[in-house]
Amino acid sequence: MTDTDKIAKANDLLRQTFLTGKVVMTAGIYSLPDDTREEIVTKVRGFDAFTEDNDPYREHDFGAFEQDGVGKVFWKI
């Protein structure tokens, strides 16, 4: 396993479980209704749309998606 593979695996574990690091969110995301915020958290945890464009180093440390009623949501490890 390469170092990049190890980093991606560690980032996947954090993103999917929130157990191996500290999770923070912006005040804007925190202020959303509970159900919207939960949808966003679920999408972050399940994110797997990594491509050369959004993950050029293959570390699985960034993503973005559209959220109804919110717009574009970005996440970063």
PDB file of N, CA and C in Angstrom:
ATOM      1  N   MET A   1       0.849  -1.174   0.000  1.00  0.00           N
ATOM      2  CA  MET A   1       0.000   0.000   0.000  1.00  0.00           C
ATOM      3  C   MET A   1       0.901   1.245   0.000  1.00  0.00           C
ATOM      4  N   THR A   2       0.610   2.176  -0.904  1.00  0.00           N
ATOM      5  CA  THR A   2       1.413   3.398  -0.987  1.00  0.00           C
ATOM      6  C   THR A   2       1.027   4.369   0.127  1.00  0.00           C
ATOM      7  N   ASP A   3       1.863   5.368   0.355  1.00  0.00           N
ATOM      8  CA  ASP A   3       1.532   6.398   1.341  1.00  0.00           C
ATOM      9  C   ASP A   3       0.228   7.100   0.970  1.00  0.00           C
ATOM     10  N   THR A   4       0.036   7.372  -0.308  1.00  0.00           N
ATOM     11  CA  THR A   4      -1.204   8.011  -0.758  1.00  0.00           C
ATOM     12  C   THR A   4      -2.406   7.134  -0.449  1.00  0.00           C
ATOM     13  N   ASP A   5      -2.283   5.838  -0.667  1.00  0.00           N
ATOM     14  CA  ASP A   5      -3.370   4.912  -0.342  1.00  0.00           C
ATOM     15  C   ASP A   5      -3.669   4.923   1.155  1.00  0.00           C
ATOM     16  N   LYS A   6      -2.635   4.986   1.977  1.00  0.00           N
ATOM     17  CA  LYS A   6      -2.822   5.033   3.431  1.00  0.00           C
ATOM     18  C   LYS A   6      -3.533   6.312   3.847  1.00  0.00           C
ATOM     19  N   ILE A   7      -3.161   7.429   3.241  1.00  0.00           N
ATOM     20  CA  ILE A   7      -3.807   8.710   3.549  1.00  0.00           C
ATOM     21  C   ILE A   7      -5.276   8.668   3.140  1.00  0.00           C
ATOM     22  N   ALA A   8      -5.555   8.178   1.943  1.00  0.00           N
ATOM     23  CA  ALA A   8      -6.938   8.085   1.473  1.00  0.00           C
ATOM     24  C   ALA A   8      -7.761   7.187   2.385  1.00  0.00           C
ATOM     25  N   LYS A   9      -7.183   6.076   2.802  1.00  0.00           N
ATOM     26  CA  LYS A   9      -7.893   5.152   3.694  1.00  0.00           C
ATOM     27  C   LYS A   9      -8.195   5.817   5.038  1.00  0.00           C
ATOM     28  N   ALA A  10      -7.230   6.541   5.593  1.00  0.00           N
ATOM     29  CA  ALA A  10      -7.444   7.246   6.860  1.00  0.00           C
ATOM     30  C   ALA A  10      -8.499   8.337   6.696  1.00  0.00           C
ATOM     31  N   ASN A  11      -8.451   9.067   5.592  1.00  0.00           N
ATOM     32  CA  ASN A  11      -9.445  10.112   5.342  1.00  0.00           C
ATOM     33  C   ASN A  11     -10.832   9.520   5.145  1.00  0.00           C
ATOM     34  N   ASP A  12     -10.923   8.388   4.451  1.00  0.00           N
ATOM     35  CA  ASP A  12     -12.209   7.713   4.281  1.00  0.00           C
ATOM     36  C   ASP A  12     -12.776   7.291   5.634  1.00  0.00           C
ATOM     37  N   LEU A  13     -11.935   6.746   6.489  1.00  0.00           N
ATOM     38  CA  LEU A  13     -12.392   6.317   7.811  1.00  0.00           C
ATOM     39  C   LEU A  13     -12.934   7.496   8.612  1.00  0.00           C
ATOM     40  N   LEU A  14     -12.216   8.599   8.617  1.00  0.00           N
ATOM     41  CA  LEU A  14     -12.691   9.788   9.338  1.00  0.00           C
ATOM     42  C   LEU A  14     -14.003  10.277   8.746  1.00  0.00           C
ATOM     43  N   ARG A  15     -14.065  10.426   7.440  1.00  0.00           N
ATOM     44  CA  ARG A  15     -15.260  10.953   6.796  1.00  0.00           C
ATOM     45  C   ARG A  15     -16.469  10.051   7.035  1.00  0.00           C
ATOM     46  N   GLN A  16     -16.285   8.755   6.980  1.00  0.00           N
ATOM     47  CA  GLN A  16     -17.400   7.824   7.086  1.00  0.00           C
ATOM     48  C   GLN A  16     -17.867   7.598   8.517  1.00  0.00           C
ATOM     49  N   THR A  17     -16.966   7.730   9.489  1.00  0.00           N
ATOM     50  CA  THR A  17     -17.326   7.395  10.870  1.00  0.00           C
ATOM     51  C   THR A  17     -17.284   8.570  11.835  1.00  0.00           C
ATOM     52  N   PHE A  18     -16.519   9.607  11.505  1.00  0.00           N
ATOM     53  CA  PHE A  18     -16.281  10.761  12.390  1.00  0.00           C
ATOM     54  C   PHE A  18     -15.616  10.332  13.697  1.00  0.00           C
ATOM     55  N   LEU A  19     -14.931   9.197  13.717  1.00  0.00           N
ATOM     56  CA  LEU A  19     -14.360   8.668  14.954  1.00  0.00           C
ATOM     57  C   LEU A  19     -12.874   8.945  15.131  1.00  0.00           C
ATOM     58  N   THR A  20     -12.156   9.230  14.076  1.00  0.00           N
ATOM     59  CA  THR A  20     -10.697   9.298  14.181  1.00  0.00           C
ATOM     60  C   THR A  20     -10.146  10.719  14.109  1.00  0.00           C
ATOM     61  N   GLY A  21     -10.995  11.697  14.361  1.00  0.00           N
ATOM     62  CA  GLY A  21     -10.558  13.090  14.332  1.00  0.00           C
ATOM     63  C   GLY A  21     -11.634  13.981  14.909  1.00  0.00           C
ATOM     64  N   LYS A  22     -11.444  15.260  14.777  1.00  0.00           N
ATOM     65  CA  LYS A  22     -12.406  16.244  15.270  1.00  0.00           C
ATOM     66  C   LYS A  22     -13.175  16.805  14.083  1.00  0.00           C
ATOM     67  N   VAL A  23     -14.484  16.837  14.189  1.00  0.00           N
ATOM     68  CA  VAL A  23     -15.338  17.334  13.121  1.00  0.00           C
ATOM     69  C   VAL A  23     -15.863  18.706  13.521  1.00  0.00           C
ATOM     70  N   VAL A  24     -15.720  19.659  12.621  1.00  0.00           N
ATOM     71  CA  VAL A  24     -16.256  21.002  12.846  1.00  0.00           C
ATOM     72  C   VAL A  24     -17.092  21.394  11.631  1.00  0.00           C
ATOM     73  N   MET A  25     -17.967  22.374  11.822  1.00  0.00           N
ATOM     74  CA  MET A  25     -18.748  22.895  10.705  1.00  0.00           C
ATOM     75  C   MET A  25     -18.892  24.393  10.861  1.00  0.00           C
ATOM     76  N   THR A  26     -19.149  25.048   9.759  1.00  0.00           N
ATOM     77  CA  THR A  26     -19.303  26.498   9.799  1.00  0.00           C
ATOM     78  C   THR A  26     -20.589  26.864  10.526  1.00  0.00           C
ATOM     79  N   ALA A  27     -20.659  28.102  10.973  1.00  0.00           N
ATOM     80  CA  ALA A  27     -21.870  28.598  11.629  1.00  0.00           C
ATOM     81  C   ALA A  27     -23.058  28.530  10.671  1.00  0.00           C
ATOM     82  N   GLY A  28     -22.793  28.749   9.384  1.00  0.00           N
ATOM     83  CA  GLY A  28     -23.871  28.692   8.396  1.00  0.00           C
ATOM     84  C   GLY A  28     -24.489  27.313   8.291  1.00  0.00           C
ATOM     85  N   ILE A  29     -23.681  26.284   8.259  1.00  0.00           N
ATOM     86  CA  ILE A  29     -24.198  24.911   8.216  1.00  0.00           C
ATOM     87  C   ILE A  29     -24.867  24.567   9.543  1.00  0.00           C
ATOM     88  N   TYR A  30     -24.259  24.959  10.645  1.00  0.00           N
ATOM     89  CA  TYR A  30     -24.816  24.656  11.966  1.00  0.00           C
ATOM     90  C   TYR A  30     -26.191  25.295  12.160  1.00  0.00           C
ATOM     91  N   SER A  31     -26.406  26.463  11.548  1.00  0.00           N
ATOM     92  CA  SER A  31     -27.667  27.183  11.741  1.00  0.00           C
ATOM     93  C   SER A  31     -28.810  26.641  10.889  1.00  0.00           C
ATOM     94  N   LEU A  32     -28.530  25.712  10.012  1.00  0.00           N
ATOM     95  CA  LEU A  32     -29.583  25.130   9.181  1.00  0.00           C
ATOM     96  C   LEU A  32     -30.517  24.267  10.030  1.00  0.00           C
ATOM     97  N   PRO A  33     -31.731  24.033   9.546  1.00  0.00           N
ATOM     98  CA  PRO A  33     -32.639  23.134  10.268  1.00  0.00           C
ATOM     99  C   PRO A  33     -31.986  21.762  10.480  1.00  0.00           C
ATOM    100  N   ASP A  34     -32.354  21.124  11.575  1.00  0.00           N
ATOM    101  CA  ASP A  34     -31.754  19.836  11.937  1.00  0.00           C
ATOM    102  C   ASP A  34     -31.812  18.821  10.798  1.00  0.00           C
ATOM    103  N   ASP A  35     -32.964  18.715  10.130  1.00  0.00           N
ATOM    104  CA  ASP A  35     -33.088  17.703   9.079  1.00  0.00           C
ATOM    105  C   ASP A  35     -32.178  18.010   7.887  1.00  0.00           C
ATOM    106  N   THR A  36     -32.020  19.277   7.550  1.00  0.00           N
ATOM    107  CA  THR A  36     -31.118  19.658   6.461  1.00  0.00           C
ATOM    108  C   THR A  36     -29.675  19.377   6.843  1.00  0.00           C
ATOM    109  N   ARG A  37     -29.315  19.737   8.064  1.00  0.00           N
ATOM    110  CA  ARG A  37     -27.951  19.488   8.542  1.00  0.00           C
ATOM    111  C   ARG A  37     -27.654  17.984   8.555  1.00  0.00           C
ATOM    112  N   GLU A  38     -28.608  17.179   8.961  1.00  0.00           N
ATOM    113  CA  GLU A  38     -28.410  15.724   8.978  1.00  0.00           C
ATOM    114  C   GLU A  38     -28.249  15.176   7.562  1.00  0.00           C
ATOM    115  N   GLU A  39     -29.007  15.709   6.606  1.00  0.00           N
ATOM    116  CA  GLU A  39     -28.837  15.295   5.211  1.00  0.00           C
ATOM    117  C   GLU A  39     -27.425  15.608   4.725  1.00  0.00           C
ATOM    118  N   ILE A  40     -26.915  16.772   5.086  1.00  0.00           N
ATOM    119  CA  ILE A  40     -25.563  17.167   4.678  1.00  0.00           C
ATOM    120  C   ILE A  40     -24.533  16.230   5.291  1.00  0.00           C
ATOM    121  N   VAL A  41     -24.662  15.954   6.572  1.00  0.00           N
ATOM    122  CA  VAL A  41     -23.723  15.048   7.246  1.00  0.00           C
ATOM    123  C   VAL A  41     -23.767  13.669   6.589  1.00  0.00           C
ATOM    124  N   THR A  42     -24.948  13.193   6.281  1.00  0.00           N
ATOM    125  CA  THR A  42     -25.092  11.893   5.623  1.00  0.00           C
ATOM    126  C   THR A  42     -24.413  11.896   4.255  1.00  0.00           C
ATOM    127  N   LYS A  43     -24.570  12.984   3.509  1.00  0.00           N
ATOM    128  CA  LYS A  43     -23.923  13.074   2.187  1.00  0.00           C
ATOM    129  C   LYS A  43     -22.402  13.126   2.313  1.00  0.00           C
ATOM    130  N   VAL A  44     -21.908  13.835   3.309  1.00  0.00           N
ATOM    131  CA  VAL A  44     -20.453  13.874   3.516  1.00  0.00           C
ATOM    132  C   VAL A  44     -19.950  12.474   3.840  1.00  0.00           C
ATOM    133  N   ARG A  45     -20.621  11.795   4.750  1.00  0.00           N
ATOM    134  CA  ARG A  45     -20.191  10.450   5.142  1.00  0.00           C
ATOM    135  C   ARG A  45     -20.198   9.471   3.977  1.00  0.00           C
ATOM    136  N   GLY A  46     -21.158   9.615   3.088  1.00  0.00           N
ATOM    137  CA  GLY A  46     -21.283   8.688   1.972  1.00  0.00           C
ATOM    138  C   GLY A  46     -20.602   9.139   0.691  1.00  0.00           C
ATOM    139  N   PHE A  47     -19.954  10.290   0.733  1.00  0.00           N
ATOM    140  CA  PHE A  47     -19.358  10.838  -0.488  1.00  0.00           C
ATOM    141  C   PHE A  47     -18.319   9.886  -1.061  1.00  0.00           C
ATOM    142  N   ASP A  48     -18.445   9.597  -2.354  1.00  0.00           N
ATOM    143  CA  ASP A  48     -17.445   8.754  -3.017  1.00  0.00           C
ATOM    144  C   ASP A  48     -17.234   9.168  -4.475  1.00  0.00           C
ATOM    145  N   ALA A  49     -17.633  10.376  -4.803  1.00  0.00           N
ATOM    146  CA  ALA A  49     -17.536  10.867  -6.182  1.00  0.00           C
ATOM    147  C   ALA A  49     -16.182  11.518  -6.450  1.00  0.00           C
ATOM    148  N   PHE A  50     -15.121  10.825  -6.091  1.00  0.00           N
ATOM    149  CA  PHE A  50     -13.774  11.356  -6.287  1.00  0.00           C
ATOM    150  C   PHE A  50     -13.353  11.178  -7.744  1.00  0.00           C
ATOM    151  N   THR A  51     -12.819  12.253  -8.318  1.00  0.00           N
ATOM    152  CA  THR A  51     -12.354  12.231  -9.704  1.00  0.00           C
ATOM    153  C   THR A  51     -10.989  12.909  -9.778  1.00  0.00           C
ATOM    154  N   GLU A  52     -10.379  12.846 -10.939  1.00  0.00           N
ATOM    155  CA  GLU A  52      -9.102  13.552 -11.145  1.00  0.00           C
ATOM    156  C   GLU A  52      -9.274  15.047 -10.912  1.00  0.00           C
ATOM    157  N   ASP A  53     -10.453  15.594 -11.248  1.00  0.00           N
ATOM    158  CA  ASP A  53     -10.694  17.029 -11.099  1.00  0.00           C
ATOM    159  C   ASP A  53     -10.804  17.461  -9.641  1.00  0.00           C
ATOM    160  N   ASN A  54     -11.513  16.689  -8.814  1.00  0.00           N
ATOM    161  CA  ASN A  54     -11.720  17.116  -7.429  1.00  0.00           C
ATOM    162  C   ASN A  54     -10.810  16.411  -6.428  1.00  0.00           C
ATOM    163  N   ASP A  55     -10.020  15.462  -6.894  1.00  0.00           N
ATOM    164  CA  ASP A  55      -9.119  14.718  -6.011  1.00  0.00           C
ATOM    165  C   ASP A  55      -7.809  14.399  -6.746  1.00  0.00           C
ATOM    166  N   PRO A  56      -7.097  15.435  -7.190  1.00  0.00           N
ATOM    167  CA  PRO A  56      -5.912  15.202  -8.031  1.00  0.00           C
ATOM    168  C   PRO A  56      -4.795  14.429  -7.338  1.00  0.00           C
ATOM    169  N   TYR A  57      -4.748  14.483  -6.011  1.00  0.00           N
ATOM    170  CA  TYR A  57      -3.694  13.766  -5.276  1.00  0.00           C
ATOM    171  C   TYR A  57      -4.184  12.434  -4.724  1.00  0.00           C
ATOM    172  N   ARG A  58      -5.446  12.101  -4.997  1.00  0.00           N
ATOM    173  CA  ARG A  58      -6.072  10.829  -4.599  1.00  0.00           C
ATOM    174  C   ARG A  58      -6.043  10.592  -3.091  1.00  0.00           C
ATOM    175  N   GLU A  59      -6.200  11.672  -2.320  1.00  0.00           N
ATOM    176  CA  GLU A  59      -6.175  11.553  -0.860  1.00  0.00           C
ATOM    177  C   GLU A  59      -7.567  11.570  -0.233  1.00  0.00           C
ATOM    178  N   HIS A  60      -8.606  11.749  -1.035  1.00  0.00           N
ATOM    179  CA  HIS A  60      -9.989  11.749  -0.542  1.00  0.00           C
ATOM    180  C   HIS A  60     -10.184  12.757   0.595  1.00  0.00           C
ATOM    181  N   ASP A  61      -9.646  13.961   0.423  1.00  0.00           N
ATOM    182  CA  ASP A  61      -9.675  14.959   1.499  1.00  0.00           C
ATOM    183  C   ASP A  61     -10.553  16.168   1.204  1.00  0.00           C
ATOM    184  N   PHE A  62     -11.326  16.141   0.116  1.00  0.00           N
ATOM    185  CA  PHE A  62     -12.175  17.269  -0.256  1.00  0.00           C
ATOM    186  C   PHE A  62     -13.327  16.769  -1.100  1.00  0.00           C
ATOM    187  N   GLY A  63     -14.470  17.426  -0.951  1.00  0.00           N
ATOM    188  CA  GLY A  63     -15.606  17.121  -1.807  1.00  0.00           C
ATOM    189  C   GLY A  63     -16.587  18.268  -1.816  1.00  0.00           C
ATOM    190  N   ALA A  64     -17.489  18.223  -2.761  1.00  0.00           N
ATOM    191  CA  ALA A  64     -18.532  19.234  -2.884  1.00  0.00           C
ATOM    192  C   ALA A  64     -19.766  18.578  -3.490  1.00  0.00           C
ATOM    193  N   PHE A  65     -20.921  19.086  -3.106  1.00  0.00           N
ATOM    194  CA  PHE A  65     -22.172  18.586  -3.661  1.00  0.00           C
ATOM    195  C   PHE A  65     -23.236  19.662  -3.510  1.00  0.00           C
ATOM    196  N   GLU A  66     -24.295  19.537  -4.277  1.00  0.00           N
ATOM    197  CA  GLU A  66     -25.433  20.447  -4.193  1.00  0.00           C
ATOM    198  C   GLU A  66     -26.403  19.936  -3.135  1.00  0.00           C
ATOM    199  N   GLN A  67     -26.893  20.861  -2.324  1.00  0.00           N
ATOM    200  CA  GLN A  67     -27.893  20.527  -1.310  1.00  0.00           C
ATOM    201  C   GLN A  67     -29.131  21.372  -1.582  1.00  0.00           C
ATOM    202  N   ASP A  68     -30.280  20.728  -1.739  1.00  0.00           N
ATOM    203  CA  ASP A  68     -31.525  21.456  -1.977  1.00  0.00           C
ATOM    204  C   ASP A  68     -31.745  22.516  -0.906  1.00  0.00           C
ATOM    205  N   GLY A  69     -32.100  23.715  -1.341  1.00  0.00           N
ATOM    206  CA  GLY A  69     -32.393  24.803  -0.420  1.00  0.00           C
ATOM    207  C   GLY A  69     -31.172  25.475   0.166  1.00  0.00           C
ATOM    208  N   VAL A  70     -29.993  24.949  -0.122  1.00  0.00           N
ATOM    209  CA  VAL A  70     -28.754  25.488   0.446  1.00  0.00           C
ATOM    210  C   VAL A  70     -27.816  25.957  -0.660  1.00  0.00           C
ATOM    211  N   GLY A  71     -27.652  25.128  -1.673  1.00  0.00           N
ATOM    212  CA  GLY A  71     -26.690  25.401  -2.741  1.00  0.00           C
ATOM    213  C   GLY A  71     -25.510  24.461  -2.628  1.00  0.00           C
ATOM    214  N   LYS A  72     -24.366  24.920  -3.069  1.00  0.00           N
ATOM    215  CA  LYS A  72     -23.154  24.092  -3.072  1.00  0.00           C
ATOM    216  C   LYS A  72     -22.602  23.985  -1.654  1.00  0.00           C
ATOM    217  N   VAL A  73     -22.327  22.772  -1.217  1.00  0.00           N
ATOM    218  CA  VAL A  73     -21.717  22.502   0.086  1.00  0.00           C
ATOM    219  C   VAL A  73     -20.340  21.901  -0.171  1.00  0.00           C
ATOM    220  N   PHE A  74     -19.341  22.454   0.499  1.00  0.00           N
ATOM    221  CA  PHE A  74     -17.972  21.963   0.393  1.00  0.00           C
ATOM    222  C   PHE A  74     -17.567  21.342   1.723  1.00  0.00           C
ATOM    223  N   TRP A  75     -16.802  20.262   1.670  1.00  0.00           N
ATOM    224  CA  TRP A  75     -16.228  19.692   2.898  1.00  0.00           C
ATOM    225  C   TRP A  75     -14.741  19.456   2.667  1.00  0.00           C
ATOM    226  N   LYS A  76     -13.980  19.470   3.760  1.00  0.00           N
ATOM    227  CA  LYS A  76     -12.523  19.337   3.676  1.00  0.00           C
ATOM    228  C   LYS A  76     -12.012  18.601   4.902  1.00  0.00           C
ATOM    229  N   ILE A  77     -11.052  17.713   4.683  1.00  0.00           N
ATOM    230  CA  ILE A  77     -10.359  17.046   5.788  1.00  0.00           C
ATOM    231  C   ILE A  77      -8.979  17.643   5.868  1.00  0.00           C
TER     232      ILE A  77
END
